[in-house]
PDB file of N, CA and C in Angstrom:
ATOM      1  N   MET A   1     -55.686 -66.344 -35.963  1.00  0.00           N
ATOM      2  CA  MET A   1     -57.327 -66.596 -36.568  1.00  0.00           C
ATOM      3  C   MET A   1     -57.837 -66.172 -35.589  1.00  0.00           C
ATOM      4  N   ALA A   2     -58.549 -64.678 -35.249  1.00  0.00           N
ATOM      5  CA  ALA A   2     -59.503 -64.482 -34.007  1.00  0.00           C
ATOM      6  C   ALA A   2     -61.284 -64.965 -34.068  1.00  0.00           C
ATOM      7  N   THR A   3     -61.621 -64.523 -32.867  1.00  0.00           N
ATOM      8  CA  THR A   3     -63.318 -64.681 -33.075  1.00  0.00           C
ATOM      9  C   THR A   3     -63.382 -63.628 -32.113  1.00  0.00           C
ATOM     10  N   ARG A   4     -65.250 -63.692 -31.774  1.00  0.00           N
ATOM     11  CA  ARG A   4     -65.109 -62.228 -31.272  1.00  0.00           C
ATOM     12  C   ARG A   4     -66.409 -63.614 -30.054  1.00  0.00           C
ATOM     13  N   VAL A   5     -66.178 -63.151 -28.839  1.00  0.00           N
ATOM     14  CA  VAL A   5     -66.825 -63.516 -27.789  1.00  0.00           C
ATOM     15  C   VAL A   5     -67.608 -62.011 -27.040  1.00  0.00           C
ATOM     16  N   HIS A   6     -68.733 -61.889 -26.770  1.00  0.00           N
ATOM     17  CA  HIS A   6     -69.619 -60.982 -26.351  1.00  0.00           C
ATOM     18  C   HIS A   6     -69.190 -59.625 -26.446  1.00  0.00           C
ATOM     19  N   GLY A   7     -68.576 -59.444 -28.169  1.00  0.00           N
ATOM     20  CA  GLY A   7     -68.265 -58.053 -28.763  1.00  0.00           C
ATOM     21  C   GLY A   7     -67.049 -57.710 -28.177  1.00  0.00           C
ATOM     22  N   MET A   8     -66.050 -58.713 -27.677  1.00  0.00           N
ATOM     23  CA  MET A   8     -64.427 -58.571 -27.683  1.00  0.00           C
ATOM     24  C   MET A   8     -63.656 -59.522 -28.440  1.00  0.00           C
ATOM     25  N   ARG A   9     -63.007 -59.295 -29.225  1.00  0.00           N
ATOM     26  CA  ARG A   9     -61.860 -59.887 -30.127  1.00  0.00           C
ATOM     27  C   ARG A   9     -61.143 -60.552 -29.122  1.00  0.00           C
ATOM     28  N   THR A  10     -60.841 -61.769 -29.688  1.00  0.00           N
ATOM     29  CA  THR A  10     -59.917 -62.867 -29.121  1.00  0.00           C
ATOM     30  C   THR A  10     -59.161 -63.512 -29.759  1.00  0.00           C
ATOM     31  N   ALA A  11     -58.306 -63.714 -29.406  1.00  0.00           N
ATOM     32  CA  ALA A  11     -57.471 -64.792 -30.285  1.00  0.00           C
ATOM     33  C   ALA A  11     -57.745 -66.592 -29.458  1.00  0.00           C
ATOM     34  N   ARG A  12     -57.689 -67.324 -30.686  1.00  0.00           N
ATOM     35  CA  ARG A  12     -58.187 -68.404 -30.378  1.00  0.00           C
ATOM     36  C   ARG A  12     -56.777 -68.930 -29.056  1.00  0.00           C
ATOM     37  N   ASP A  13     -56.135 -68.927 -28.901  1.00  0.00           N
ATOM     38  CA  ASP A  13     -55.145 -69.261 -27.404  1.00  0.00           C
ATOM     39  C   ASP A  13     -55.325 -68.554 -26.354  1.00  0.00           C
ATOM     40  N   GLY A  14     -57.016 -68.052 -26.327  1.00  0.00           N
ATOM     41  CA  GLY A  14     -57.425 -67.448 -25.181  1.00  0.00           C
ATOM     42  C   GLY A  14     -57.121 -66.096 -24.301  1.00  0.00           C
ATOM     43  N   SER A  15     -55.911 -65.597 -25.425  1.00  0.00           N
ATOM     44  CA  SER A  15     -55.390 -63.798 -24.873  1.00  0.00           C
ATOM     45  C   SER A  15     -56.881 -62.830 -25.399  1.00  0.00           C
ATOM     46  N   ASP A  16     -56.685 -61.767 -24.940  1.00  0.00           N
ATOM     47  CA  ASP A  16     -57.703 -61.227 -25.920  1.00  0.00           C
ATOM     48  C   ASP A  16     -57.212 -60.189 -26.751  1.00  0.00           C
ATOM     49  N   GLY A  17     -56.082 -59.676 -27.477  1.00  0.00           N
ATOM     50  CA  GLY A  17     -55.403 -59.292 -28.045  1.00  0.00           C
ATOM     51  C   GLY A  17     -54.257 -58.313 -27.556  1.00  0.00           C
ATOM     52  N   GLY A  18     -54.016 -58.608 -26.346  1.00  0.00           N
ATOM     53  CA  GLY A  18     -52.471 -57.901 -25.790  1.00  0.00           C
ATOM     54  C   GLY A  18     -52.799 -57.141 -25.044  1.00  0.00           C
ATOM     55  N   MET A  19     -53.749 -56.082 -24.988  1.00  0.00           N
ATOM     56  CA  MET A  19     -53.812 -54.699 -23.567  1.00  0.00           C
ATOM     57  C   MET A  19     -54.453 -55.354 -22.394  1.00  0.00           C
ATOM     58  N   PRO A  20     -55.218 -56.135 -22.207  1.00  0.00           N
ATOM     59  CA  PRO A  20     -54.933 -57.038 -20.653  1.00  0.00           C
ATOM     60  C   PRO A  20     -53.609 -57.410 -20.335  1.00  0.00           C
ATOM     61  N   ALA A  21     -52.836 -58.388 -20.852  1.00  0.00           N
ATOM     62  CA  ALA A  21     -51.884 -58.495 -20.989  1.00  0.00           C
ATOM     63  C   ALA A  21     -51.052 -57.606 -20.733  1.00  0.00           C
ATOM     64  N   LEU A  22     -50.703 -56.437 -21.390  1.00  0.00           N
ATOM     65  CA  LEU A  22     -49.932 -55.240 -20.837  1.00  0.00           C
ATOM     66  C   LEU A  22     -50.236 -54.957 -19.433  1.00  0.00           C
ATOM     67  N   ALA A  23     -51.773 -54.516 -19.168  1.00  0.00           N
ATOM     68  CA  ALA A  23     -51.671 -54.331 -17.727  1.00  0.00           C
ATOM     69  C   ALA A  23     -51.597 -55.123 -16.984  1.00  0.00           C
ATOM     70  N   THR A  24     -51.699 -56.396 -17.097  1.00  0.00           N
ATOM     71  CA  THR A  24     -50.845 -57.299 -16.234  1.00  0.00           C
ATOM     72  C   THR A  24     -49.322 -57.368 -15.870  1.00  0.00           C
ATOM     73  N   TRP A  25     -48.481 -56.670 -16.936  1.00  0.00           N
ATOM     74  CA  TRP A  25     -47.329 -56.900 -17.035  1.00  0.00           C
ATOM     75  C   TRP A  25     -47.232 -55.726 -15.806  1.00  0.00           C
ATOM     76  N   LEU A  26     -47.726 -54.734 -16.619  1.00  0.00           N
ATOM     77  CA  LEU A  26     -47.760 -53.034 -15.969  1.00  0.00           C
ATOM     78  C   LEU A  26     -47.941 -53.348 -14.131  1.00  0.00           C
ATOM     79  N   ALA A  27     -48.878 -54.152 -13.501  1.00  0.00           N
ATOM     80  CA  ALA A  27     -49.304 -54.494 -12.596  1.00  0.00           C
ATOM     81  C   ALA A  27     -47.992 -55.176 -12.002  1.00  0.00           C
ATOM     82  N   ALA A  28     -47.650 -56.209 -12.920  1.00  0.00           N
ATOM     83  CA  ALA A  28     -46.099 -57.073 -11.873  1.00  0.00           C
ATOM     84  C   ALA A  28     -44.932 -55.965 -11.635  1.00  0.00           C
ATOM     85  N   LEU A  29     -45.043 -55.258 -12.545  1.00  0.00           N
ATOM     86  CA  LEU A  29     -43.588 -54.611 -12.727  1.00  0.00           C
ATOM     87  C   LEU A  29     -43.947 -53.206 -11.132  1.00  0.00           C
ATOM     88  N   ALA A  30     -45.377 -52.870 -11.350  1.00  0.00           N
ATOM     89  CA  ALA A  30     -45.585 -52.670 -10.130  1.00  0.00           C
ATOM     90  C   ALA A  30     -44.869 -52.796  -8.727  1.00  0.00           C
ATOM     91  N   ALA A  31     -45.509 -54.186  -8.585  1.00  0.00           N
ATOM     92  CA  ALA A  31     -45.467 -55.019  -7.263  1.00  0.00           C
ATOM     93  C   ALA A  31     -44.002 -55.207  -7.210  1.00  0.00           C
ATOM     94  N   VAL A  32     -43.374 -55.436  -8.176  1.00  0.00           N
ATOM     95  CA  VAL A  32     -41.915 -55.601  -7.902  1.00  0.00           C
ATOM     96  C   VAL A  32     -41.406 -54.191  -7.548  1.00  0.00           C
ATOM     97  N   ALA A  33     -41.195 -52.982  -7.555  1.00  0.00           N
ATOM     98  CA  ALA A  33     -40.944 -52.045  -7.650  1.00  0.00           C
ATOM     99  C   ALA A  33     -40.944 -51.607  -6.381  1.00  0.00           C
ATOM    100  N   ALA A  34     -42.455 -51.888  -5.803  1.00  0.00           N
ATOM    101  CA  ALA A  34     -42.791 -51.542  -4.711  1.00  0.00           C
ATOM    102  C   ALA A  34     -41.921 -52.682  -3.714  1.00  0.00           C
ATOM    103  N   LEU A  35     -41.859 -54.010  -3.887  1.00  0.00           N
ATOM    104  CA  LEU A  35     -41.447 -54.648  -3.269  1.00  0.00           C
ATOM    105  C   LEU A  35     -40.096 -54.303  -3.115  1.00  0.00           C
ATOM    106  N   ALA A  36     -39.185 -53.730  -4.228  1.00  0.00           N
ATOM    107  CA  ALA A  36     -37.793 -53.213  -4.130  1.00  0.00           C
ATOM    108  C   ALA A  36     -37.725 -52.287  -2.997  1.00  0.00           C
ATOM    109  N   LEU A  37     -38.601 -51.028  -2.892  1.00  0.00           N
ATOM    110  CA  LEU A  37     -39.152 -50.007  -2.219  1.00  0.00           C
ATOM    111  C   LEU A  37     -38.785 -50.152  -0.195  1.00  0.00           C
ATOM    112  N   TRP A  38     -40.007 -51.087  -0.396  1.00  0.00           N
ATOM    113  CA  TRP A  38     -40.213 -51.878   1.276  1.00  0.00           C
ATOM    114  C   TRP A  38     -38.932 -52.697   1.742  1.00  0.00           C
ATOM    115  N   MET A  39     -37.841 -53.002   0.976  1.00  0.00           N
ATOM    116  CA  MET A  39     -36.953 -53.927   1.446  1.00  0.00           C
ATOM    117  C   MET A  39     -35.866 -52.682   1.892  1.00  0.00           C
ATOM    118  N   LYS A  40     -35.939 -51.403   1.271  1.00  0.00           N
ATOM    119  CA  LYS A  40     -34.933 -50.702   1.642  1.00  0.00           C
ATOM    120  C   LYS A  40     -33.333 -51.273   1.469  1.00  0.00           C
ATOM    121  N   PRO A  41     -32.701 -50.858   0.656  1.00  0.00           N
ATOM    122  CA  PRO A  41     -31.316 -51.260   0.217  1.00  0.00           C
ATOM    123  C   PRO A  41     -30.269 -50.837   1.600  1.00  0.00           C
ATOM    124  N   GLU A  42     -30.575 -50.249   2.369  1.00  0.00           N
ATOM    125  CA  GLU A  42     -30.065 -49.733   3.386  1.00  0.00           C
ATOM    126  C   GLU A  42     -30.022 -50.750   4.459  1.00  0.00           C
ATOM    127  N   ARG A  43     -31.012 -51.590   4.448  1.00  0.00           N
ATOM    128  CA  ARG A  43     -30.937 -52.200   5.489  1.00  0.00           C
ATOM    129  C   ARG A  43     -30.283 -53.747   5.050  1.00  0.00           C
ATOM    130  N   ILE A  44     -30.229 -54.022   4.048  1.00  0.00           N
ATOM    131  CA  ILE A  44     -29.600 -55.043   3.367  1.00  0.00           C
ATOM    132  C   ILE A  44     -28.556 -54.733   3.297  1.00  0.00           C
ATOM    133  N   GLN A  45     -27.893 -53.492   2.921  1.00  0.00           N
ATOM    134  CA  GLN A  45     -26.414 -53.248   3.552  1.00  0.00           C
ATOM    135  C   GLN A  45     -25.950 -53.533   4.869  1.00  0.00           C
ATOM    136  N   ARG A  46     -26.660 -53.200   6.279  1.00  0.00           N
ATOM    137  CA  ARG A  46     -26.643 -53.437   7.378  1.00  0.00           C
ATOM    138  C   ARG A  46     -26.494 -55.162   7.428  1.00  0.00           C
ATOM    139  N   ASP A  47     -27.457 -55.526   7.016  1.00  0.00           N
ATOM    140  CA  ASP A  47     -27.066 -57.202   7.074  1.00  0.00           C
ATOM    141  C   ASP A  47     -25.725 -57.677   6.742  1.00  0.00           C
ATOM    142  N   VAL A  48     -25.191 -57.372   5.355  1.00  0.00           N
ATOM    143  CA  VAL A  48     -24.538 -58.039   4.773  1.00  0.00           C
ATOM    144  C   VAL A  48     -23.234 -57.251   5.315  1.00  0.00           C
ATOM    145  N   GLU A  49     -23.095 -56.321   6.196  1.00  0.00           N
ATOM    146  CA  GLU A  49     -21.735 -55.258   6.867  1.00  0.00           C
ATOM    147  C   GLU A  49     -21.720 -56.651   8.257  1.00  0.00           C
ATOM    148  N   ARG A  50     -22.905 -56.770   8.783  1.00  0.00           N
ATOM    149  CA  ARG A  50     -22.538 -57.522  10.059  1.00  0.00           C
ATOM    150  C   ARG A  50     -22.689 -58.757   9.772  1.00  0.00           C
ATOM    151  N   ARG A  51     -22.625 -59.440   8.706  1.00  0.00           N
ATOM    152  CA  ARG A  51     -22.604 -60.951   8.375  1.00  0.00           C
ATOM    153  C   ARG A  51     -21.323 -61.171   8.023  1.00  0.00           C
ATOM    154  N   ALA A  52     -20.374 -60.213   7.249  1.00  0.00           N
ATOM    155  CA  ALA A  52     -18.915 -60.066   6.799  1.00  0.00           C
ATOM    156  C   ALA A  52     -18.400 -59.496   7.741  1.00  0.00           C
ATOM    157  N   GLN A  53     -18.503 -58.899   9.324  1.00  0.00           N
ATOM    158  CA  GLN A  53     -18.208 -58.328   9.987  1.00  0.00           C
ATOM    159  C   GLN A  53     -17.806 -59.684  10.941  1.00  0.00           C
ATOM    160  N   SER A  54     -18.923 -60.347  11.184  1.00  0.00           N
ATOM    161  CA  SER A  54     -19.017 -61.816  11.964  1.00  0.00           C
ATOM    162  C   SER A  54     -17.888 -62.836  11.561  1.00  0.00           C
ATOM    163  N   ALA A  55     -18.180 -62.958  10.061  1.00  0.00           N
ATOM    164  CA  ALA A  55     -17.526 -64.204   9.412  1.00  0.00           C
ATOM    165  C   ALA A  55     -15.731 -63.382   9.631  1.00  0.00           C
ATOM    166  N   LEU A  56     -15.767 -62.436   9.137  1.00  0.00           N
ATOM    167  CA  LEU A  56     -14.222 -61.897   9.813  1.00  0.00           C
ATOM    168  C   LEU A  56     -13.739 -62.531  11.252  1.00  0.00           C
ATOM    169  N   ALA A  57     -14.234 -61.598  12.090  1.00  0.00           N
ATOM    170  CA  ALA A  57     -13.860 -62.411  13.425  1.00  0.00           C
ATOM    171  C   ALA A  57     -13.934 -63.787  13.600  1.00  0.00           C
ATOM    172  N   ASP A  58     -14.851 -64.580  13.232  1.00  0.00           N
ATOM    173  CA  ASP A  58     -14.812 -66.313  12.854  1.00  0.00           C
ATOM    174  C   ASP A  58     -13.609 -66.629  12.217  1.00  0.00           C
ATOM    175  N   ALA A  59     -13.187 -66.062  11.812  1.00  0.00           N
ATOM    176  CA  ALA A  59     -11.885 -66.466  10.658  1.00  0.00           C
ATOM    177  C   ALA A  59     -10.668 -66.365  11.715  1.00  0.00           C
ATOM    178  N   GLY A  60     -10.838 -65.308  12.820  1.00  0.00           N
ATOM    179  CA  GLY A  60      -9.373 -64.604  13.161  1.00  0.00           C
ATOM    180  C   GLY A  60      -9.392 -63.386  12.914  1.00  0.00           C
ATOM    181  N   PHE A  61      -9.790 -62.719  12.099  1.00  0.00           N
ATOM    182  CA  PHE A  61      -9.954 -61.688  11.685  1.00  0.00           C
ATOM    183  C   PHE A  61     -10.032 -60.243  12.558  1.00  0.00           C
ATOM    184  N   ALA A  62     -10.542 -60.330  13.538  1.00  0.00           N
ATOM    185  CA  ALA A  62     -10.866 -59.461  14.206  1.00  0.00           C
ATOM    186  C   ALA A  62     -10.823 -58.194  14.120  1.00  0.00           C
ATOM    187  N   TRP A  63      -9.576 -57.935  13.787  1.00  0.00           N
ATOM    188  CA  TRP A  63      -8.864 -56.885  13.551  1.00  0.00           C
ATOM    189  C   TRP A  63      -9.089 -55.994  12.187  1.00  0.00           C
ATOM    190  N   ALA A  64      -9.587 -56.723  11.284  1.00  0.00           N
ATOM    191  CA  ALA A  64     -10.276 -56.361  10.078  1.00  0.00           C
ATOM    192  C   ALA A  64     -11.724 -55.578  10.041  1.00  0.00           C
ATOM    193  N   THR A  65     -12.006 -54.457   9.524  1.00  0.00           N
ATOM    194  CA  THR A  65     -13.243 -53.552   9.555  1.00  0.00           C
ATOM    195  C   THR A  65     -14.228 -54.287   8.248  1.00  0.00           C
ATOM    196  N   ALA A  66     -15.375 -54.415   8.104  1.00  0.00           N
ATOM    197  CA  ALA A  66     -15.973 -54.441   6.970  1.00  0.00           C
ATOM    198  C   ALA A  66     -17.194 -53.259   6.646  1.00  0.00           C
ATOM    199  N   ALA A  67     -17.208 -52.968   5.388  1.00  0.00           N
ATOM    200  CA  ALA A  67     -18.414 -51.831   5.330  1.00  0.00           C
ATOM    201  C   ALA A  67     -18.848 -52.259   3.956  1.00  0.00           C
ATOM    202  N   ALA A  68     -20.470 -52.540   3.575  1.00  0.00           N
ATOM    203  CA  ALA A  68     -20.643 -52.317   2.422  1.00  0.00           C
ATOM    204  C   ALA A  68     -21.572 -51.086   1.891  1.00  0.00           C
ATOM    205  N   ARG A  69     -21.158 -50.975   0.565  1.00  0.00           N
ATOM    206  CA  ARG A  69     -21.202 -49.657  -0.136  1.00  0.00           C
ATOM    207  C   ARG A  69     -22.074 -50.508  -1.349  1.00  0.00           C
ATOM    208  N   GLY A  70     -23.071 -50.626  -1.457  1.00  0.00           N
ATOM    209  CA  GLY A  70     -24.058 -50.958  -2.820  1.00  0.00           C
ATOM    210  C   GLY A  70     -23.831 -52.442  -2.733  1.00  0.00           C
ATOM    211  N   ARG A  71     -23.609 -52.806  -3.754  1.00  0.00           N
ATOM    212  CA  ARG A  71     -23.037 -54.246  -4.170  1.00  0.00           C
ATOM    213  C   ARG A  71     -21.617 -54.945  -3.431  1.00  0.00           C
ATOM    214  N   ASP A  72     -21.008 -54.034  -3.150  1.00  0.00           N
ATOM    215  CA  ASP A  72     -19.447 -54.132  -2.667  1.00  0.00           C
ATOM    216  C   ASP A  72     -18.907 -54.097  -1.110  1.00  0.00           C
ATOM    217  N   VAL A  73     -18.257 -55.102  -0.560  1.00  0.00           N
ATOM    218  CA  VAL A  73     -18.105 -55.117   0.866  1.00  0.00           C
ATOM    219  C   VAL A  73     -16.712 -54.488   0.610  1.00  0.00           C
ATOM    220  N   VAL A  74     -16.245 -53.597   1.746  1.00  0.00           N
ATOM    221  CA  VAL A  74     -14.899 -53.080   1.665  1.00  0.00           C
ATOM    222  C   VAL A  74     -14.479 -53.446   3.325  1.00  0.00           C
ATOM    223  N   ILE A  75     -13.209 -54.145   2.998  1.00  0.00           N
ATOM    224  CA  ILE A  75     -12.143 -54.450   3.805  1.00  0.00           C
ATOM    225  C   ILE A  75     -11.107 -53.770   4.415  1.00  0.00           C
ATOM    226  N   TRP A  76     -11.050 -53.491   5.731  1.00  0.00           N
ATOM    227  CA  TRP A  76      -9.898 -52.800   5.819  1.00  0.00           C
ATOM    228  C   TRP A  76      -9.562 -53.069   7.093  1.00  0.00           C
ATOM    229  N   GLY A  77      -8.082 -52.454   7.489  1.00  0.00           N
ATOM    230  CA  GLY A  77      -7.667 -52.311   8.784  1.00  0.00           C
ATOM    231  C   GLY A  77      -5.897 -53.140   8.873  1.00  0.00           C
ATOM    232  N   ARG A  78      -5.607 -52.856  10.266  1.00  0.00           N
ATOM    233  CA  ARG A  78      -3.972 -53.409  10.129  1.00  0.00           C
ATOM    234  C   ARG A  78      -3.957 -54.477  10.808  1.00  0.00           C
ATOM    235  N   ALA A  79      -3.114 -55.598  10.260  1.00  0.00           N
ATOM    236  CA  ALA A  79      -2.898 -56.442  10.662  1.00  0.00           C
ATOM    237  C   ALA A  79      -2.234 -56.442  11.882  1.00  0.00           C
ATOM    238  N   PRO A  80      -1.972 -57.471  12.363  1.00  0.00           N
ATOM    239  CA  PRO A  80      -1.083 -57.598  14.100  1.00  0.00           C
ATOM    240  C   PRO A  80       0.210 -58.187  13.236  1.00  0.00           C
ATOM    241  N   GLU A  81       1.536 -57.522  13.690  1.00  0.00           N
ATOM    242  CA  GLU A  81       3.095 -58.209  13.121  1.00  0.00           C
ATOM    243  C   GLU A  81       2.786 -59.249  13.690  1.00  0.00           C
ATOM    244  N   ALA A  82       3.253 -60.403  13.135  1.00  0.00           N
ATOM    245  CA  ALA A  82       3.452 -61.689  13.170  1.00  0.00           C
ATOM    246  C   ALA A  82       4.597 -61.921  14.329  1.00  0.00           C
ATOM    247  N   ALA A  83       4.354 -62.591  15.254  1.00  0.00           N
ATOM    248  CA  ALA A  83       5.164 -62.793  16.233  1.00  0.00           C
ATOM    249  C   ALA A  83       6.376 -63.716  15.963  1.00  0.00           C
TER     250      ALA A  83
END
């Protein structure tokens, strides 16, 4: 059941019929999109590459190379022959 408050139709739960709620959702979506653009995927990929390369070196696999491509990390290299 809806009531009128100052000429504006509102529901009993305090919402105002949906339009401002839609505007709030659109503003939140715009904020998330701006944050994603600000974070720059390239920066994240470089960080992941650096961490993967460091982990490989710490584990004794300094001969291996790591490269981040999107959500994937590709590792390659030639392992030294066993003595």
